C-alpha atoms as a PDB file:
ATOM      1  CA  MET A   1       1.492  33.926  -2.627  1.00  0.00           C
ATOM      2  CA  ALA A   2      -1.157  32.885  -5.103  1.00  0.00           C
ATOM      3  CA  SER A   3      -0.088  31.608  -8.503  1.00  0.00           C
ATOM      4  CA  GLN A   4       0.196  34.362 -11.064  1.00  0.00           C
ATOM      5  CA  THR A   5      -0.910  32.048 -13.880  1.00  0.00           C
ATOM      6  CA  LEU A   6      -3.890  30.456 -12.175  1.00  0.00           C
ATOM      7  CA  LYS A   7      -7.097  31.996 -13.478  1.00  0.00           C
ATOM      8  CA  THR A   8      -9.742  31.451 -10.843  1.00  0.00           C
ATOM      9  CA  LYS A   9     -12.625  33.614  -9.752  1.00  0.00           C
ATOM     10  CA  THR A  10     -11.528  33.530  -6.127  1.00  0.00           C
ATOM     11  CA  LYS A  11      -7.989  34.040  -4.931  1.00  0.00           C
ATOM     12  CA  ARG A  12      -8.611  32.989  -1.353  1.00  0.00           C
ATOM     13  CA  ALA A  13      -5.924  30.818   0.169  1.00  0.00           C
ATOM     14  CA  ILE A  14      -7.098  27.892   2.277  1.00  0.00           C
ATOM     15  CA  PRO A  15      -5.645  27.852   5.797  1.00  0.00           C
ATOM     16  CA  ALA A  16      -3.708  24.676   6.602  1.00  0.00           C
ATOM     17  CA  ALA A  17      -6.109  23.677   9.388  1.00  0.00           C
ATOM     18  CA  GLU A  18      -9.097  23.962   7.045  1.00  0.00           C
ATOM     19  CA  PHE A  19      -7.263  21.984   4.349  1.00  0.00           C
ATOM     20  CA  ALA A  20      -6.439  19.220   6.860  1.00  0.00           C
ATOM     21  CA  ALA A  21     -10.075  19.130   7.993  1.00  0.00           C
ATOM     22  CA  ARG A  22     -11.248  18.762   4.392  1.00  0.00           C
ATOM     23  CA  ILE A  23      -8.849  15.881   3.803  1.00  0.00           C
ATOM     24  CA  GLU A  24      -9.949  14.147   7.005  1.00  0.00           C
ATOM     25  CA  ARG A  25     -13.623  14.580   6.051  1.00  0.00           C
ATOM     26  CA  ARG A  26     -12.949  13.064   2.612  1.00  0.00           C
ATOM     27  CA  ARG A  27     -11.110  10.126   4.168  1.00  0.00           C
ATOM     28  CA  GLN A  28     -14.045   9.450   6.473  1.00  0.00           C
ATOM     29  CA  GLU A  29     -16.544   9.725   3.618  1.00  0.00           C
ATOM     30  CA  THR A  30     -14.628   7.287   1.410  1.00  0.00           C
ATOM     31  CA  GLY A  31     -13.573   4.936   4.186  1.00  0.00           C
ATOM     32  CA  ILE A  32      -9.944   5.182   3.072  1.00  0.00           C
ATOM     33  CA  THR A  33      -8.015   5.925   6.242  1.00  0.00           C
ATOM     34  CA  ASP A  34      -4.579   4.517   5.393  1.00  0.00           C
ATOM     35  CA  LEU A  35      -3.065   5.485   2.059  1.00  0.00           C
ATOM     36  CA  PRO A  36      -0.396   3.279   0.457  1.00  0.00           C
ATOM     37  CA  ARG A  37       3.137   4.616   0.441  1.00  0.00           C
ATOM     38  CA  ASN A  38       5.402   5.078  -2.536  1.00  0.00           C
ATOM     39  CA  ASP A  39       7.295   1.825  -3.186  1.00  0.00           C
ATOM     40  CA  GLY A  40      10.589   3.735  -3.129  1.00  0.00           C
ATOM     41  CA  THR A  41      12.228   2.057  -6.114  1.00  0.00           C
ATOM     42  CA  ARG A  42      13.756   5.347  -7.284  1.00  0.00           C
ATOM     43  CA  ARG A  43      14.898   6.771  -3.940  1.00  0.00           C
ATOM     44  CA  THR A  44      18.424   8.029  -3.517  1.00  0.00           C
ATOM     45  CA  GLU A  45      20.663   6.551  -0.843  1.00  0.00           C
ATOM     46  CA  SER A  46      20.470   9.786   1.137  1.00  0.00           C
ATOM     47  CA  LYS A  47      16.667   9.694   1.093  1.00  0.00           C
ATOM     48  CA  LYS A  48      16.687   6.053   2.203  1.00  0.00           C
ATOM     49  CA  ALA A  49      19.036   6.968   5.068  1.00  0.00           C
ATOM     50  CA  LEU A  50      16.808   9.874   6.095  1.00  0.00           C
ATOM     51  CA  LEU A  51      13.664   7.716   6.130  1.00  0.00           C
ATOM     52  CA  LYS A  52      15.481   5.016   8.109  1.00  0.00           C
ATOM     53  CA  ALA A  53      16.638   7.573  10.678  1.00  0.00           C
ATOM     54  CA  ILE A  54      13.069   8.858  11.049  1.00  0.00           C
ATOM     55  CA  LYS A  55      11.805   5.310  11.521  1.00  0.00           C
ATOM     56  CA  ASP A  56      14.558   4.482  14.021  1.00  0.00           C
ATOM     57  CA  ILE A  57      13.516   7.325  16.327  1.00  0.00           C
ATOM     58  CA  GLY A  58       9.903   6.219  16.173  1.00  0.00           C
ATOM     59  CA  GLY A  59       8.631   8.708  13.618  1.00  0.00           C
ATOM     60  CA  LYS A  60       6.183   7.998  10.840  1.00  0.00           C
ATOM     61  CA  TRP A  61       6.822   9.845   7.610  1.00  0.00           C
END
């Protein structure tokens, strides 16, 4: 659902695939292909455990 407070001339939602393509195009244009991650200094223990579990099974968050 579109924001009720956003005042734009178009109210067209961008499909996820189109959004991903735009991001990829921008990355290629700028040459930035790997973005730095959050340093994690304020993560809760449960979040740290979740990220560790993802890493342990070979996932990349």
